Structure formats: C-alpha cells, structure tokens
Protein backbone atom coordinates (compact mmCIF):
# COMPACT_ATOMS: atom_id res chain seq x y z
CA MET A 1 -7.71 -9.22 8.71
CA THR A 2 -9.62 -10.78 6.32
CA THR A 3 -9.98 -10.08 2.64
CA MET A 4 -12.90 -10.35 0.31
CA THR A 5 -12.20 -13.12 -2.08
CA ASP A 6 -14.24 -13.92 -5.09
CA PRO A 7 -16.83 -16.93 -4.25
CA LEU A 8 -16.69 -18.04 -7.67
CA PRO A 9 -13.19 -19.01 -9.11
CA ALA A 10 -12.43 -18.12 -12.59
CA PRO A 11 -12.97 -20.96 -15.15
CA GLU A 12 -9.81 -22.73 -16.40
CA ASN A 13 -11.13 -21.98 -20.10
CA PRO A 14 -13.40 -19.16 -19.70
CA GLY A 15 -16.05 -18.51 -22.60
CA TRP A 16 -16.49 -15.42 -24.55
CA PHE A 17 -19.31 -14.26 -22.29
CA TYR A 18 -16.97 -14.35 -19.26
CA ARG A 19 -14.01 -12.84 -20.92
CA ALA A 20 -16.24 -10.02 -22.21
CA GLU A 21 -18.12 -9.54 -18.81
CA ALA A 22 -14.61 -9.35 -17.29
CA TRP A 23 -13.57 -6.90 -19.76
CA LEU A 24 -16.57 -4.66 -18.99
CA ASP A 25 -16.04 -4.81 -15.37
CA ASP A 26 -12.53 -3.52 -15.78
CA LYS A 27 -13.65 -0.78 -17.95
CA GLY A 28 -16.19 0.31 -15.34
CA LYS A 29 -19.77 1.16 -15.25
CA GLY A 30 -19.32 3.46 -18.25
CA ALA A 31 -18.25 0.69 -20.76
CA TRP A 32 -21.64 -1.30 -19.42
CA ILE A 33 -23.74 1.76 -20.13
CA ALA A 34 -22.25 2.33 -23.50
CA THR A 35 -22.55 -1.63 -24.38
CA MET A 36 -26.63 -1.07 -23.20
CA VAL A 37 -26.73 1.95 -25.49
CA LEU A 38 -25.19 0.35 -28.59
CA GLY A 39 -27.23 -2.58 -27.56
CA PHE A 40 -30.45 -0.58 -28.11
CA VAL A 41 -29.12 1.73 -30.94
CA PHE A 42 -28.35 -1.72 -33.20
CA PHE A 43 -31.01 -3.95 -32.03
CA TRP A 44 -33.18 -3.19 -29.15
CA PRO A 45 -33.48 -6.80 -27.76
CA VAL A 46 -29.87 -6.86 -27.36
CA GLY A 47 -29.92 -3.57 -25.33
CA LEU A 48 -32.83 -4.77 -23.29
CA ALA A 49 -30.68 -7.93 -22.32
CA VAL A 50 -27.83 -6.08 -21.22
CA LEU A 51 -30.06 -3.83 -19.22
CA ALA A 52 -31.70 -6.76 -17.77
CA TYR A 53 -28.23 -8.34 -17.00
CA MET A 54 -27.06 -5.06 -15.43
CA ILE A 55 -30.06 -5.14 -13.13
CA TRP A 56 -29.84 -8.98 -12.11
CA SER A 57 -26.14 -9.02 -11.16
CA LYS A 58 -26.54 -5.47 -9.58
CA ARG A 59 -23.87 -3.54 -11.67
CA MET A 60 -26.28 -1.14 -12.46
CA PHE A 61 -26.69 0.25 -8.61
CA SER A 62 -23.25 -0.50 -7.52
CA LYS A 63 -20.59 2.12 -6.98
CA SER A 64 -18.05 0.33 -9.26
CA CYS A 65 -18.68 -2.33 -11.57
CA ARG A 66 -15.01 -3.65 -10.56
CA ARG A 67 -16.22 -5.43 -7.34
CA SER A 68 -18.57 -7.33 -10.12
CA GLY A 69 -21.51 -7.54 -7.75
CA ARG A 70 -20.55 -10.20 -5.88
CA GLY A 71 -20.18 -9.47 -2.09
CA HIS A 72 -21.58 -6.01 -2.86
CA ARG A 73 -22.81 -4.46 0.53
CA ASN A 74 -25.15 -1.47 0.78
CA ALA A 75 -26.28 0.71 3.69
CA TRP A 76 -28.91 -1.77 4.81
CA SER A 77 -26.65 -4.69 5.06
CA ASN A 78 -23.92 -2.53 6.95
CA GLU A 79 -26.65 -1.36 9.57
CA ARG A 80 -27.58 -5.13 9.95
CA GLU A 81 -23.79 -5.99 10.43
CA TRP A 82 -23.61 -3.34 13.24
CA GLN A 83 -26.83 -4.62 14.69
CA ARG A 84 -25.45 -7.98 14.58
CA SER A 85 -22.32 -7.09 16.22
CA ALA A 86 -23.86 -5.03 18.86
CA MET A 87 -26.21 -8.09 19.69
CA LYS A 88 -22.98 -10.21 19.64
CA ALA A 89 -21.14 -7.72 21.99
CA ALA A 90 -23.87 -7.66 24.66
CA ALA A 91 -23.97 -11.69 24.79
CA PRO A 92 -22.03 -13.20 27.71
CA SER A 93 -18.66 -14.43 26.20
CA GLY A 94 -18.35 -17.29 28.68
CA ASN A 95 -15.46 -15.90 30.57
CA SER A 96 -16.89 -14.81 33.90
CA ALA A 97 -13.79 -12.27 34.77
CA PHE A 98 -14.07 -10.64 31.28
CA ASP A 99 -17.90 -10.54 31.65
CA GLN A 100 -17.69 -8.68 34.95
CA TYR A 101 -14.95 -6.52 33.47
CA LYS A 102 -17.42 -5.51 30.50
CA ALA A 103 -20.31 -5.14 32.83
CA ASP A 104 -18.19 -2.68 35.04
CA THR A 105 -16.63 -0.80 32.24
CA LEU A 106 -20.14 -0.21 30.65
CA ALA A 107 -21.43 0.83 34.12
CA ARG A 108 -18.81 3.26 34.14
CA LEU A 109 -19.48 4.76 30.80
CA GLU A 110 -22.92 5.23 31.34
CA HIS A 111 -22.47 6.88 34.18
CA GLU A 112 -19.66 9.08 32.77
CA GLN A 113 -22.10 9.83 30.16
CA SER A 114 -24.98 11.12 32.23
CA GLU A 115 -22.53 13.12 34.16
CA PHE A 116 -21.19 14.40 31.01
CA GLU A 117 -24.92 15.03 29.61
CA ASN A 118 -25.57 17.06 32.79
CA PHE A 119 -22.38 19.17 32.54
CA LEU A 120 -23.55 20.12 28.99
CA GLU A 121 -26.92 20.91 30.55
CA ARG A 122 -25.47 23.21 33.08
CA LEU A 123 -23.29 24.95 30.70
CA ARG A 124 -25.86 25.44 28.34
CA ASP A 125 -28.23 27.04 31.20
CA ALA A 126 -24.99 29.49 32.03
CA LYS A 127 -24.69 30.51 28.62
CA ASP A 128 -28.10 31.27 28.30
CA LYS A 129 -28.39 33.06 31.55
CA ALA A 130 -25.12 35.02 30.60
CA GLU A 131 -26.69 36.19 27.31
CA PHE A 132 -29.84 37.10 28.81
CA ASP A 133 -28.12 39.04 31.50
CA GLN A 134 -26.13 40.76 28.80
CA PHE A 135 -29.13 41.77 26.93
CA MET A 136 -30.67 43.09 30.02
CA ASP A 137 -27.51 45.20 30.79
CA GLU A 138 -27.42 46.50 27.18
CA ARG A 139 -31.08 47.32 27.31
CA ALA A 140 -30.59 49.24 30.60
CA HIS A 141 -27.78 51.29 29.57
CA ARG A 142 -29.63 52.03 26.06
CA ALA A 143 -30.35 55.67 25.59
CA PRO A 144 -33.88 56.41 25.74
CA ASP A 145 -35.55 56.99 22.61
CA PRO A 146 -37.60 59.99 22.15
CA SER A 147 -40.07 58.24 20.29
CA ASP A 148 -40.62 56.14 23.64
CA ASP A 149 -41.90 59.07 25.66
CA ASP A 150 -44.95 57.79 27.27
CA GLN A 151 -45.52 60.97 29.21
CA PRO A 152 -47.93 63.40 27.75
CA ASP A 153 -46.73 66.93 26.69
CA GLN A 154 -46.97 69.31 29.77
CA ALA A 155 -46.25 72.38 27.55
CA ALA A 156 -49.81 72.44 25.83
C-alpha cells in the first residue's frame, strides 16, 4: 500500500508566505475565498493576486484545500490511469504459465458473459411474451362494451 507524500518537503525555516498558505489550507477553501474577498474589499490588486494564486495552484477547483493542490487527481487523470492499467494488464507478463492462465480465464469469462447475455435476452423475450399473453387473455375475457356494437339496429 502506498501513501501520497508531499513532493516538496516543508522548509526548515518557513517564511511568512509559506506559513500563511499552510494556515489557509488548514482552514479550508472558505478561508481562501474569504481572503480573496477581503483582498478585493481593501485593495483590489491583492484580491486579484489571491484569485490568480488560487487558480494557478488549483485550490479554486479542488474539493479540498487540505490537499494543497499537489497530487490533485481529477476525473480525467483517473480515467487515464484506468486505461493505462488496462493496457498494462493486457501486456504479457513474461511468465508463460501465468499468461496462458490469464488467456484461458479471460476466454472463459468472455464465454460466460456471452451465455449470460443470451440468458438475459431469452428472459426478456419470455417476460414480453408472458405480458402479451396476459394482455390478450384480459382482452378476450373483458365484457363487450355497448359502445363497441358494430352491428346496425334491427329494430328500426
């Protein structure tokens, strides 16, 4: 199991900017937004600078500032990672016995999947047929409505 580590270690003697950034990260995204708004209220270039920094460091769009923008993974990177792992799984491992086992297992799973899909198709067809038969039985046993008379009146 691997854990995510900060690629940039904390400096031994952090400056005021690093300490302020760490403090805001601990407080969350709301603290960053409040800092940006106060920056715009008191002196607009400060608010603009905070906004630019939030966008540049990806704090504006991440779920939590506590991740501090480093190692942030979005949906696209997860999809790329999944595709990369799928390609890696399809590549031969170099162990011929394992590769043969993997090929046999994949072939068996594909066969089981196609059988299951055929079973589901037959099940859907049977359900549709049962519903249709039930509809036809109900229609046949339904009492004829007087408004459905197609025969002309003979009493006239």
